[in-house]
PDB file of N, CA and C in Angstrom:
ATOM      1  N   MET A   1      18.622 -36.996  -5.108  1.00  0.00           N
ATOM      2  CA  MET A   1      17.749 -35.907  -4.737  1.00  0.00           C
ATOM      3  C   MET A   1      16.559 -36.503  -3.980  1.00  0.00           C
ATOM      4  N   SER A   2      16.190 -35.874  -2.854  1.00  0.00           N
ATOM      5  CA  SER A   2      15.094 -36.384  -2.052  1.00  0.00           C
ATOM      6  C   SER A   2      13.755 -36.077  -2.712  1.00  0.00           C
ATOM      7  N   THR A   3      12.715 -36.739  -2.229  1.00  0.00           N
ATOM      8  CA  THR A   3      11.373 -36.511  -2.759  1.00  0.00           C
ATOM      9  C   THR A   3      10.926 -35.079  -2.506  1.00  0.00           C
ATOM     10  N   LEU A   4      11.290 -34.543  -1.321  1.00  0.00           N
ATOM     11  CA  LEU A   4      10.920 -33.175  -0.980  1.00  0.00           C
ATOM     12  C   LEU A   4      11.597 -32.179  -1.917  1.00  0.00           C
ATOM     13  N   ALA A   5      12.864 -32.385  -2.210  1.00  0.00           N
ATOM     14  CA  ALA A   5      13.596 -31.496  -3.114  1.00  0.00           C
ATOM     15  C   ALA A   5      13.015 -31.569  -4.522  1.00  0.00           C
ATOM     16  N   THR A   6      12.577 -32.753  -4.928  1.00  0.00           N
ATOM     17  CA  THR A   6      11.971 -32.905  -6.247  1.00  0.00           C
ATOM     18  C   THR A   6      10.669 -32.119  -6.331  1.00  0.00           C
ATOM     19  N   ARG A   7       9.869 -32.149  -5.260  1.00  0.00           N
ATOM     20  CA  ARG A   7       8.602 -31.419  -5.247  1.00  0.00           C
ATOM     21  C   ARG A   7       8.817 -29.906  -5.211  1.00  0.00           C
ATOM     22  N   ALA A   8       9.953 -29.437  -4.670  1.00  0.00           N
ATOM     23  CA  ALA A   8      10.212 -28.004  -4.550  1.00  0.00           C
ATOM     24  C   ALA A   8      10.624 -27.387  -5.882  1.00  0.00           C
ATOM     25  N   GLN A   9      10.958 -28.225  -6.873  1.00  0.00           N
ATOM     26  CA  GLN A   9      11.376 -27.694  -8.167  1.00  0.00           C
ATOM     27  C   GLN A   9      10.228 -27.768  -9.164  1.00  0.00           C
ATOM     28  N   PRO A  10       9.830 -26.623  -9.706  1.00  0.00           N
ATOM     29  CA  PRO A  10       8.793 -26.619 -10.733  1.00  0.00           C
ATOM     30  C   PRO A  10       9.296 -27.315 -11.986  1.00  0.00           C
ATOM     31  N   PRO A  11       8.389 -27.727 -12.858  1.00  0.00           N
ATOM     32  CA  PRO A  11       8.817 -28.357 -14.104  1.00  0.00           C
ATOM     33  C   PRO A  11       9.699 -27.420 -14.922  1.00  0.00           C
ATOM     34  N   GLY A  12      10.574 -27.970 -15.691  1.00  0.00           N
ATOM     35  CA  GLY A  12      11.443 -27.166 -16.536  1.00  0.00           C
ATOM     36  C   GLY A  12      12.794 -26.900 -15.903  1.00  0.00           C
ATOM     37  N   GLY A  13      13.091 -27.471 -14.759  1.00  0.00           N
ATOM     38  CA  GLY A  13      14.387 -27.325 -14.136  1.00  0.00           C
ATOM     39  C   GLY A  13      14.591 -26.036 -13.365  1.00  0.00           C
ATOM     40  N   MET A  14      13.596 -25.174 -13.246  1.00  0.00           N
ATOM     41  CA  MET A  14      13.725 -23.919 -12.507  1.00  0.00           C
ATOM     42  C   MET A  14      13.421 -24.193 -11.031  1.00  0.00           C
ATOM     43  N   SER A  15      14.295 -23.744 -10.155  1.00  0.00           N
ATOM     44  CA  SER A  15      14.055 -23.943  -8.730  1.00  0.00           C
ATOM     45  C   SER A  15      13.023 -22.942  -8.232  1.00  0.00           C
ATOM     46  N   LEU A  16      12.454 -23.209  -7.077  1.00  0.00           N
ATOM     47  CA  LEU A  16      11.472 -22.312  -6.487  1.00  0.00           C
ATOM     48  C   LEU A  16      12.082 -20.945  -6.211  1.00  0.00           C
ATOM     49  N   ALA A  17      13.336 -20.909  -5.783  1.00  0.00           N
ATOM     50  CA  ALA A  17      14.023 -19.636  -5.538  1.00  0.00           C
ATOM     51  C   ALA A  17      14.176 -18.845  -6.835  1.00  0.00           C
ATOM     52  N   ASP A  18      14.500 -19.526  -7.937  1.00  0.00           N
ATOM     53  CA  ASP A  18      14.621 -18.857  -9.240  1.00  0.00           C
ATOM     54  C   ASP A  18      13.279 -18.288  -9.687  1.00  0.00           C
ATOM     55  N   LEU A  19      12.225 -19.059  -9.471  1.00  0.00           N
ATOM     56  CA  LEU A  19      10.894 -18.612  -9.845  1.00  0.00           C
ATOM     57  C   LEU A  19      10.483 -17.389  -9.032  1.00  0.00           C
ATOM     58  N   LEU A  20      10.742 -17.422  -7.739  1.00  0.00           N
ATOM     59  CA  LEU A  20      10.402 -16.292  -6.871  1.00  0.00           C
ATOM     60  C   LEU A  20      11.205 -15.056  -7.262  1.00  0.00           C
ATOM     61  N   GLU A  21      12.488 -15.231  -7.542  1.00  0.00           N
ATOM     62  CA  GLU A  21      13.327 -14.102  -7.965  1.00  0.00           C
ATOM     63  C   GLU A  21      12.804 -13.493  -9.266  1.00  0.00           C
ATOM     64  N   ARG A  22      12.389 -14.329 -10.167  1.00  0.00           N
ATOM     65  CA  ARG A  22      11.868 -13.850 -11.459  1.00  0.00           C
ATOM     66  C   ARG A  22      10.555 -13.087 -11.277  1.00  0.00           C
ATOM     67  N   VAL A  23       9.661 -13.624 -10.437  1.00  0.00           N
ATOM     68  CA  VAL A  23       8.379 -12.964 -10.184  1.00  0.00           C
ATOM     69  C   VAL A  23       8.603 -11.609  -9.532  1.00  0.00           C
ATOM     70  N   LEU A  24       9.491 -11.547  -8.529  1.00  0.00           N
ATOM     71  CA  LEU A  24       9.746 -10.284  -7.846  1.00  0.00           C
ATOM     72  C   LEU A  24      10.434  -9.284  -8.762  1.00  0.00           C
ATOM     73  N   ASP A  25      11.270  -9.776  -9.666  1.00  0.00           N
ATOM     74  CA  ASP A  25      11.986  -8.889 -10.585  1.00  0.00           C
ATOM     75  C   ASP A  25      11.060  -8.327 -11.658  1.00  0.00           C
ATOM     76  N   LYS A  26      10.220  -9.158 -12.226  1.00  0.00           N
ATOM     77  CA  LYS A  26       9.340  -8.738 -13.317  1.00  0.00           C
ATOM     78  C   LYS A  26       7.985  -8.259 -12.802  1.00  0.00           C
ATOM     79  N   GLY A  27       7.503  -8.890 -11.751  1.00  0.00           N
ATOM     80  CA  GLY A  27       6.176  -8.571 -11.224  1.00  0.00           C
ATOM     81  C   GLY A  27       5.124  -9.464 -11.858  1.00  0.00           C
ATOM     82  N   ILE A  28       4.054  -9.676 -11.121  1.00  0.00           N
ATOM     83  CA  ILE A  28       2.934 -10.467 -11.632  1.00  0.00           C
ATOM     84  C   ILE A  28       1.654  -9.801 -11.140  1.00  0.00           C
ATOM     85  N   VAL A  29       0.668  -9.726 -12.000  1.00  0.00           N
ATOM     86  CA  VAL A  29      -0.606  -9.087 -11.662  1.00  0.00           C
ATOM     87  C   VAL A  29      -1.699 -10.144 -11.716  1.00  0.00           C
ATOM     88  N   ILE A  30      -2.509 -10.167 -10.672  1.00  0.00           N
ATOM     89  CA  ILE A  30      -3.680 -11.036 -10.626  1.00  0.00           C
ATOM     90  C   ILE A  30      -4.883 -10.113 -10.465  1.00  0.00           C
ATOM     91  N   ALA A  31      -5.837 -10.226 -11.372  1.00  0.00           N
ATOM     92  CA  ALA A  31      -6.995  -9.337 -11.342  1.00  0.00           C
ATOM     93  C   ALA A  31      -8.276 -10.157 -11.452  1.00  0.00           C
ATOM     94  N   GLY A  32      -9.302  -9.670 -10.783  1.00  0.00           N
ATOM     95  CA  GLY A  32     -10.591 -10.344 -10.867  1.00  0.00           C
ATOM     96  C   GLY A  32     -11.693  -9.469 -10.320  1.00  0.00           C
ATOM     97  N   ASP A  33     -12.891  -9.676 -10.811  1.00  0.00           N
ATOM     98  CA  ASP A  33     -14.055  -8.936 -10.342  1.00  0.00           C
ATOM     99  C   ASP A  33     -15.087  -9.934  -9.836  1.00  0.00           C
ATOM    100  N   VAL A  34     -15.739  -9.565  -8.746  1.00  0.00           N
ATOM    101  CA  VAL A  34     -16.800 -10.389  -8.181  1.00  0.00           C
ATOM    102  C   VAL A  34     -18.048  -9.523  -8.102  1.00  0.00           C
ATOM    103  N   GLU A  35     -19.118 -10.001  -8.692  1.00  0.00           N
ATOM    104  CA  GLU A  35     -20.386  -9.276  -8.640  1.00  0.00           C
ATOM    105  C   GLU A  35     -21.438 -10.149  -7.965  1.00  0.00           C
ATOM    106  N   VAL A  36     -22.216  -9.518  -7.098  1.00  0.00           N
ATOM    107  CA  VAL A  36     -23.343 -10.199  -6.476  1.00  0.00           C
ATOM    108  C   VAL A  36     -24.601  -9.513  -6.982  1.00  0.00           C
ATOM    109  N   ARG A  37     -25.462 -10.285  -7.657  1.00  0.00           N
ATOM    110  CA  ARG A  37     -26.690  -9.731  -8.226  1.00  0.00           C
ATOM    111  C   ARG A  37     -27.876 -10.545  -7.730  1.00  0.00           C
ATOM    112  N   LEU A  38     -28.989  -9.858  -7.634  1.00  0.00           N
ATOM    113  CA  LEU A  38     -30.242 -10.495  -7.284  1.00  0.00           C
ATOM    114  C   LEU A  38     -31.299  -9.935  -8.222  1.00  0.00           C
ATOM    115  N   LEU A  39     -31.840 -10.797  -9.088  1.00  0.00           N
ATOM    116  CA  LEU A  39     -32.841 -10.374 -10.071  1.00  0.00           C
ATOM    117  C   LEU A  39     -32.369  -9.179 -10.901  1.00  0.00           C
ATOM    118  N   ASP A  40     -31.183  -9.276 -11.457  1.00  0.00           N
ATOM    119  CA  ASP A  40     -30.572  -8.229 -12.286  1.00  0.00           C
ATOM    120  C   ASP A  40     -30.338  -6.918 -11.552  1.00  0.00           C
ATOM    121  N   ILE A  41     -30.313  -6.944 -10.232  1.00  0.00           N
ATOM    122  CA  ILE A  41     -29.972  -5.764  -9.436  1.00  0.00           C
ATOM    123  C   ILE A  41     -28.607  -6.021  -8.811  1.00  0.00           C
ATOM    124  N   GLU A  42     -27.679  -5.161  -9.152  1.00  0.00           N
ATOM    125  CA  GLU A  42     -26.325  -5.322  -8.622  1.00  0.00           C
ATOM    126  C   GLU A  42     -26.302  -4.919  -7.153  1.00  0.00           C
ATOM    127  N   LEU A  43     -25.966  -5.865  -6.284  1.00  0.00           N
ATOM    128  CA  LEU A  43     -25.912  -5.602  -4.847  1.00  0.00           C
ATOM    129  C   LEU A  43     -24.508  -5.252  -4.388  1.00  0.00           C
ATOM    130  N   LEU A  44     -23.520  -5.872  -5.006  1.00  0.00           N
ATOM    131  CA  LEU A  44     -22.145  -5.691  -4.552  1.00  0.00           C
ATOM    132  C   LEU A  44     -21.190  -6.004  -5.685  1.00  0.00           C
ATOM    133  N   THR A  45     -20.175  -5.166  -5.833  1.00  0.00           N
ATOM    134  CA  THR A  45     -19.114  -5.429  -6.800  1.00  0.00           C
ATOM    135  C   THR A  45     -17.782  -5.255  -6.101  1.00  0.00           C
ATOM    136  N   LEU A  46     -16.953  -6.253  -6.194  1.00  0.00           N
ATOM    137  CA  LEU A  46     -15.594  -6.190  -5.649  1.00  0.00           C
ATOM    138  C   LEU A  46     -14.616  -6.282  -6.806  1.00  0.00           C
ATOM    139  N   LYS A  47     -13.725  -5.317  -6.889  1.00  0.00           N
ATOM    140  CA  LYS A  47     -12.687  -5.341  -7.909  1.00  0.00           C
ATOM    141  C   LYS A  47     -11.379  -5.667  -7.190  1.00  0.00           C
ATOM    142  N   LEU A  48     -10.829  -6.804  -7.503  1.00  0.00           N
ATOM    143  CA  LEU A  48      -9.618  -7.275  -6.844  1.00  0.00           C
ATOM    144  C   LEU A  48      -8.437  -7.130  -7.790  1.00  0.00           C
ATOM    145  N   ARG A  49      -7.393  -6.470  -7.308  1.00  0.00           N
ATOM    146  CA  ARG A  49      -6.161  -6.324  -8.079  1.00  0.00           C
ATOM    147  C   ARG A  49      -5.009  -6.639  -7.141  1.00  0.00           C
ATOM    148  N   LEU A  50      -4.155  -7.535  -7.541  1.00  0.00           N
ATOM    149  CA  LEU A  50      -3.024  -7.941  -6.721  1.00  0.00           C
ATOM    150  C   LEU A  50      -1.761  -7.863  -7.562  1.00  0.00           C
ATOM    151  N   LEU A  51      -0.782  -7.129  -7.068  1.00  0.00           N
ATOM    152  CA  LEU A  51       0.509  -7.028  -7.733  1.00  0.00           C
ATOM    153  C   LEU A  51       1.544  -7.630  -6.803  1.00  0.00           C
ATOM    154  N   ILE A  52       2.271  -8.594  -7.286  1.00  0.00           N
ATOM    155  CA  ILE A  52       3.358  -9.188  -6.522  1.00  0.00           C
ATOM    156  C   ILE A  52       4.647  -8.808  -7.219  1.00  0.00           C
ATOM    157  N   ALA A  53       5.469  -8.015  -6.512  1.00  0.00           N
ATOM    158  CA  ALA A  53       6.728  -7.549  -7.091  1.00  0.00           C
ATOM    159  C   ALA A  53       7.624  -7.060  -5.962  1.00  0.00           C
ATOM    160  N   SER A  54       8.887  -6.882  -6.256  1.00  0.00           N
ATOM    161  CA  SER A  54       9.793  -6.297  -5.274  1.00  0.00           C
ATOM    162  C   SER A  54       9.486  -4.807  -5.159  1.00  0.00           C
ATOM    163  N   ALA A  55       9.945  -4.184  -4.092  1.00  0.00           N
ATOM    164  CA  ALA A  55       9.722  -2.746  -3.906  1.00  0.00           C
ATOM    165  C   ALA A  55      10.366  -1.957  -5.043  1.00  0.00           C
ATOM    166  N   ASP A  56      11.540  -2.353  -5.492  1.00  0.00           N
ATOM    167  CA  ASP A  56      12.217  -1.647  -6.586  1.00  0.00           C
ATOM    168  C   ASP A  56      11.434  -1.760  -7.889  1.00  0.00           C
ATOM    169  N   THR A  57      10.904  -2.953  -8.165  1.00  0.00           N
ATOM    170  CA  THR A  57      10.120  -3.142  -9.386  1.00  0.00           C
ATOM    171  C   THR A  57       8.843  -2.324  -9.326  1.00  0.00           C
ATOM    172  N   ALA A  58       8.158  -2.357  -8.176  1.00  0.00           N
ATOM    173  CA  ALA A  58       6.925  -1.573  -8.019  1.00  0.00           C
ATOM    174  C   ALA A  58       7.217  -0.084  -8.174  1.00  0.00           C
ATOM    175  N   ARG A  59       8.316   0.379  -7.576  1.00  0.00           N
ATOM    176  CA  ARG A  59       8.679   1.800  -7.669  1.00  0.00           C
ATOM    177  C   ARG A  59       8.954   2.187  -9.116  1.00  0.00           C
ATOM    178  N   SER A  60       9.594   1.293  -9.880  1.00  0.00           N
ATOM    179  CA  SER A  60       9.868   1.599 -11.285  1.00  0.00           C
ATOM    180  C   SER A  60       8.579   1.655 -12.102  1.00  0.00           C
ATOM    181  N   MET A  61       7.501   1.031 -11.602  1.00  0.00           N
ATOM    182  CA  MET A  61       6.188   1.081 -12.251  1.00  0.00           C
ATOM    183  C   MET A  61       5.386   2.293 -11.806  1.00  0.00           C
ATOM    184  N   GLY A  62       5.950   3.080 -10.879  1.00  0.00           N
ATOM    185  CA  GLY A  62       5.250   4.261 -10.389  1.00  0.00           C
ATOM    186  C   GLY A  62       4.377   3.990  -9.171  1.00  0.00           C
ATOM    187  N   ILE A  63       4.574   2.849  -8.546  1.00  0.00           N
ATOM    188  CA  ILE A  63       3.784   2.485  -7.369  1.00  0.00           C
ATOM    189  C   ILE A  63       4.671   2.655  -6.140  1.00  0.00           C
ATOM    190  N   ASP A  64       4.315   3.601  -5.268  1.00  0.00           N
ATOM    191  CA  ASP A  64       5.127   3.836  -4.064  1.00  0.00           C
ATOM    192  C   ASP A  64       4.268   4.263  -2.876  1.00  0.00           C
ATOM    193  N   TRP A  65       3.050   3.761  -2.803  1.00  0.00           N
ATOM    194  CA  TRP A  65       2.120   4.192  -1.758  1.00  0.00           C
ATOM    195  C   TRP A  65       2.638   3.906  -0.356  1.00  0.00           C
ATOM    196  N   TRP A  66       3.447   2.905  -0.167  1.00  0.00           N
ATOM    197  CA  TRP A  66       3.948   2.570   1.164  1.00  0.00           C
ATOM    198  C   TRP A  66       4.887   3.639   1.712  1.00  0.00           C
ATOM    199  N   GLU A  67       5.469   4.458   0.803  1.00  0.00           N
ATOM    200  CA  GLU A  67       6.357   5.529   1.249  1.00  0.00           C
ATOM    201  C   GLU A  67       5.580   6.715   1.816  1.00  0.00           C
ATOM    202  N   HIS A  68       4.293   6.828   1.468  1.00  0.00           N
ATOM    203  CA  HIS A  68       3.481   7.968   1.886  1.00  0.00           C
ATOM    204  C   HIS A  68       2.401   7.593   2.892  1.00  0.00           C
ATOM    205  N   ASP A  69       2.313   6.316   3.239  1.00  0.00           N
ATOM    206  CA  ASP A  69       1.300   5.850   4.188  1.00  0.00           C
ATOM    207  C   ASP A  69       1.859   5.949   5.603  1.00  0.00           C
ATOM    208  N   PRO A  70       1.238   6.773   6.470  1.00  0.00           N
ATOM    209  CA  PRO A  70       1.757   6.946   7.838  1.00  0.00           C
ATOM    210  C   PRO A  70       1.817   5.651   8.641  1.00  0.00           C
ATOM    211  N   ALA A  71       0.984   4.690   8.307  1.00  0.00           N
ATOM    212  CA  ALA A  71       0.997   3.416   9.028  1.00  0.00           C
ATOM    213  C   ALA A  71       2.215   2.570   8.658  1.00  0.00           C
ATOM    214  N   LEU A  72       2.842   2.866   7.522  1.00  0.00           N
ATOM    215  CA  LEU A  72       3.954   2.047   7.040  1.00  0.00           C
ATOM    216  C   LEU A  72       5.286   2.775   6.975  1.00  0.00           C
ATOM    217  N   SER A  73       5.258   4.107   6.998  1.00  0.00           N
ATOM    218  CA  SER A  73       6.483   4.886   6.806  1.00  0.00           C
ATOM    219  C   SER A  73       6.681   5.867   7.955  1.00  0.00           C
ATOM    220  N   SER A  74       7.817   5.780   8.616  1.00  0.00           N
ATOM    221  CA  SER A  74       8.091   6.724   9.702  1.00  0.00           C
ATOM    222  C   SER A  74       8.261   8.140   9.153  1.00  0.00           C
ATOM    223  N   LEU A  75       8.790   8.273   7.950  1.00  0.00           N
ATOM    224  CA  LEU A  75       8.938   9.594   7.333  1.00  0.00           C
ATOM    225  C   LEU A  75       7.568  10.220   7.081  1.00  0.00           C
ATOM    226  N   ALA A  76       6.640   9.438   6.536  1.00  0.00           N
ATOM    227  CA  ALA A  76       5.282   9.946   6.295  1.00  0.00           C
ATOM    228  C   ALA A  76       4.594  10.274   7.611  1.00  0.00           C
ATOM    229  N   ARG A  77       4.838   9.449   8.631  1.00  0.00           N
ATOM    230  CA  ARG A  77       4.248   9.683   9.955  1.00  0.00           C
ATOM    231  C   ARG A  77       4.781  10.986  10.540  1.00  0.00           C
ATOM    232  N   ASP A  78       6.089  11.219  10.403  1.00  0.00           N
ATOM    233  CA  ASP A  78       6.696  12.459  10.897  1.00  0.00           C
ATOM    234  C   ASP A  78       6.129  13.668  10.167  1.00  0.00           C
ATOM    235  N   ASN A  79       5.969  13.560   8.842  1.00  0.00           N
ATOM    236  CA  ASN A  79       5.400  14.664   8.056  1.00  0.00           C
ATOM    237  C   ASN A  79       3.969  14.951   8.486  1.00  0.00           C
ATOM    238  N   GLU A  80       3.220  13.902   8.748  1.00  0.00           N
ATOM    239  CA  GLU A  80       1.835  14.078   9.184  1.00  0.00           C
ATOM    240  C   GLU A  80       1.785  14.755  10.555  1.00  0.00           C
ATOM    241  N   LEU A  81       2.697  14.366  11.462  1.00  0.00           N
ATOM    242  CA  LEU A  81       2.741  14.989  12.784  1.00  0.00           C
ATOM    243  C   LEU A  81       3.156  16.454  12.696  1.00  0.00           C
ATOM    244  N   GLU A  82       4.120  16.758  11.830  1.00  0.00           N
ATOM    245  CA  GLU A  82       4.541  18.145  11.640  1.00  0.00           C
ATOM    246  C   GLU A  82       3.379  19.003  11.142  1.00  0.00           C
ATOM    247  N   GLN A  83       2.622  18.480  10.187  1.00  0.00           N
ATOM    248  CA  GLN A  83       1.468  19.205   9.649  1.00  0.00           C
ATOM    249  C   GLN A  83       0.425  19.423  10.747  1.00  0.00           C
ATOM    250  N   GLU A  84       0.159  18.386  11.526  1.00  0.00           N
ATOM    251  CA  GLU A  84      -0.823  18.506  12.611  1.00  0.00           C
ATOM    252  C   GLU A  84      -0.360  19.512  13.657  1.00  0.00           C
ATOM    253  N   ASN A  85       0.920  19.491  14.012  1.00  0.00           N
ATOM    254  CA  ASN A  85       1.458  20.449  14.979  1.00  0.00           C
ATOM    255  C   ASN A  85       1.356  21.884  14.446  1.00  0.00           C
ATOM    256  N   ARG A  86       1.656  22.081  13.168  1.00  0.00           N
ATOM    257  CA  ARG A  86       1.569  23.400  12.555  1.00  0.00           C
ATOM    258  C   ARG A  86       0.123  23.914  12.615  1.00  0.00           C
ATOM    259  N   GLU A  87      -0.834  23.044  12.282  1.00  0.00           N
ATOM    260  CA  GLU A  87      -2.247  23.439  12.324  1.00  0.00           C
ATOM    261  C   GLU A  87      -2.695  23.761  13.751  1.00  0.00           C
ATOM    262  N   LEU A  88      -2.224  22.989  14.724  1.00  0.00           N
ATOM    263  CA  LEU A  88      -2.591  23.244  16.120  1.00  0.00           C
ATOM    264  C   LEU A  88      -1.994  24.562  16.617  1.00  0.00           C
ATOM    265  N   ARG A  89      -0.745  24.856  16.228  1.00  0.00           N
ATOM    266  CA  ARG A  89      -0.135  26.125  16.618  1.00  0.00           C
ATOM    267  C   ARG A  89      -0.903  27.306  16.036  1.00  0.00           C
ATOM    268  N   GLU A  90      -1.282  27.203  14.755  1.00  0.00           N
ATOM    269  CA  GLU A  90      -2.066  28.272  14.120  1.00  0.00           C
ATOM    270  C   GLU A  90      -3.402  28.455  14.825  1.00  0.00           C
ATOM    271  N   ARG A  91      -4.038  27.361  15.176  1.00  0.00           N
ATOM    272  CA  ARG A  91      -5.326  27.446  15.878  1.00  0.00           C
ATOM    273  C   ARG A  91      -5.165  28.091  17.252  1.00  0.00           C
ATOM    274  N   LEU A  92      -4.105  27.715  17.958  1.00  0.00           N
ATOM    275  CA  LEU A  92      -3.840  28.287  19.272  1.00  0.00           C
ATOM    276  C   LEU A  92      -3.573  29.787  19.163  1.00  0.00           C
ATOM    277  N   ASP A  93      -2.799  30.181  18.145  1.00  0.00           N
ATOM    278  CA  ASP A  93      -2.532  31.616  17.933  1.00  0.00           C
ATOM    279  C   ASP A  93      -3.835  32.381  17.678  1.00  0.00           C
ATOM    280  N   ARG A  94      -4.709  31.829  16.848  1.00  0.00           N
ATOM    281  CA  ARG A  94      -5.999  32.487  16.579  1.00  0.00           C
ATOM    282  C   ARG A  94      -6.830  32.612  17.859  1.00  0.00           C
ATOM    283  N   LEU A  95      -6.851  31.567  18.666  1.00  0.00           N
ATOM    284  CA  LEU A  95      -7.615  31.600  19.926  1.00  0.00           C
ATOM    285  C   LEU A  95      -7.040  32.633  20.893  1.00  0.00           C
ATOM    286  N   GLU A  96      -5.697  32.671  20.993  1.00  0.00           N
ATOM    287  CA  GLU A  96      -5.073  33.647  21.890  1.00  0.00           C
ATOM    288  C   GLU A  96      -5.364  35.072  21.437  1.00  0.00           C
ATOM    289  N   ARG A  97      -5.318  35.327  20.134  1.00  0.00           N
ATOM    290  CA  ARG A  97      -5.634  36.664  19.622  1.00  0.00           C
ATOM    291  C   ARG A  97      -7.100  37.023  19.900  1.00  0.00           C
ATOM    292  N   ALA A  98      -7.988  36.058  19.748  1.00  0.00           N
ATOM    293  CA  ALA A  98      -9.407  36.305  20.012  1.00  0.00           C
ATOM    294  C   ALA A  98      -9.641  36.612  21.486  1.00  0.00           C
ATOM    295  N   ILE A  99      -8.941  35.937  22.378  1.00  0.00           N
ATOM    296  CA  ILE A  99      -9.078  36.180  23.820  1.00  0.00           C
ATOM    297  C   ILE A  99      -8.549  37.576  24.171  1.00  0.00           C
ATOM    298  N   GLU A 100      -7.403  37.945  23.556  1.00  0.00           N
ATOM    299  CA  GLU A 100      -6.840  39.279  23.805  1.00  0.00           C
ATOM    300  C   GLU A 100      -7.794  40.370  23.341  1.00  0.00           C
ATOM    301  N   ARG A 101      -8.398  40.193  22.169  1.00  0.00           N
ATOM    302  CA  ARG A 101      -9.344  41.194  21.659  1.00  0.00           C
ATOM    303  C   ARG A 101     -10.572  41.305  22.543  1.00  0.00           C
ATOM    304  N   ASN A 102     -11.075  40.198  23.028  1.00  0.00           N
ATOM    305  CA  ASN A 102     -12.283  40.214  23.878  1.00  0.00           C
ATOM    306  C   ASN A 102     -11.977  40.686  25.290  1.00  0.00           C
ATOM    307  N   GLY A 103     -10.736  40.568  25.731  1.00  0.00           N
ATOM    308  CA  GLY A 103     -10.349  40.963  27.079  1.00  0.00           C
ATOM    309  C   GLY A 103     -10.128  42.463  27.212  1.00  0.00           C
ATOM    310  N   ARG A 104      -9.958  43.175  26.144  1.00  0.00           N
ATOM    311  CA  ARG A 104      -9.677  44.612  26.181  1.00  0.00           C
ATOM    312  C   ARG A 104     -10.877  45.399  26.438  1.00  0.00           C
TER     313      ARG A 104
END
């Protein structure tokens, strides 16, 4: 076994691929808070939460925001465009009716 292959295997005989598969299957959460204070006055608080998991594992946990984000989902983008088109048509209809009423 080469030196590089030895370094790629974590202790305990588990390969890096096995470790990655396990993390994606089970998920791992990293959480931390950062506070910036000056003379006991809180200036800034950052709450950091990181979940590393496969899409299926995240979905089973009830996390599916990527399916509803227009920047990430073509289906969500299409739904957003349909809603915008519907609102624009309604607005146009109201304007046309107002013009007809004022033109009489």
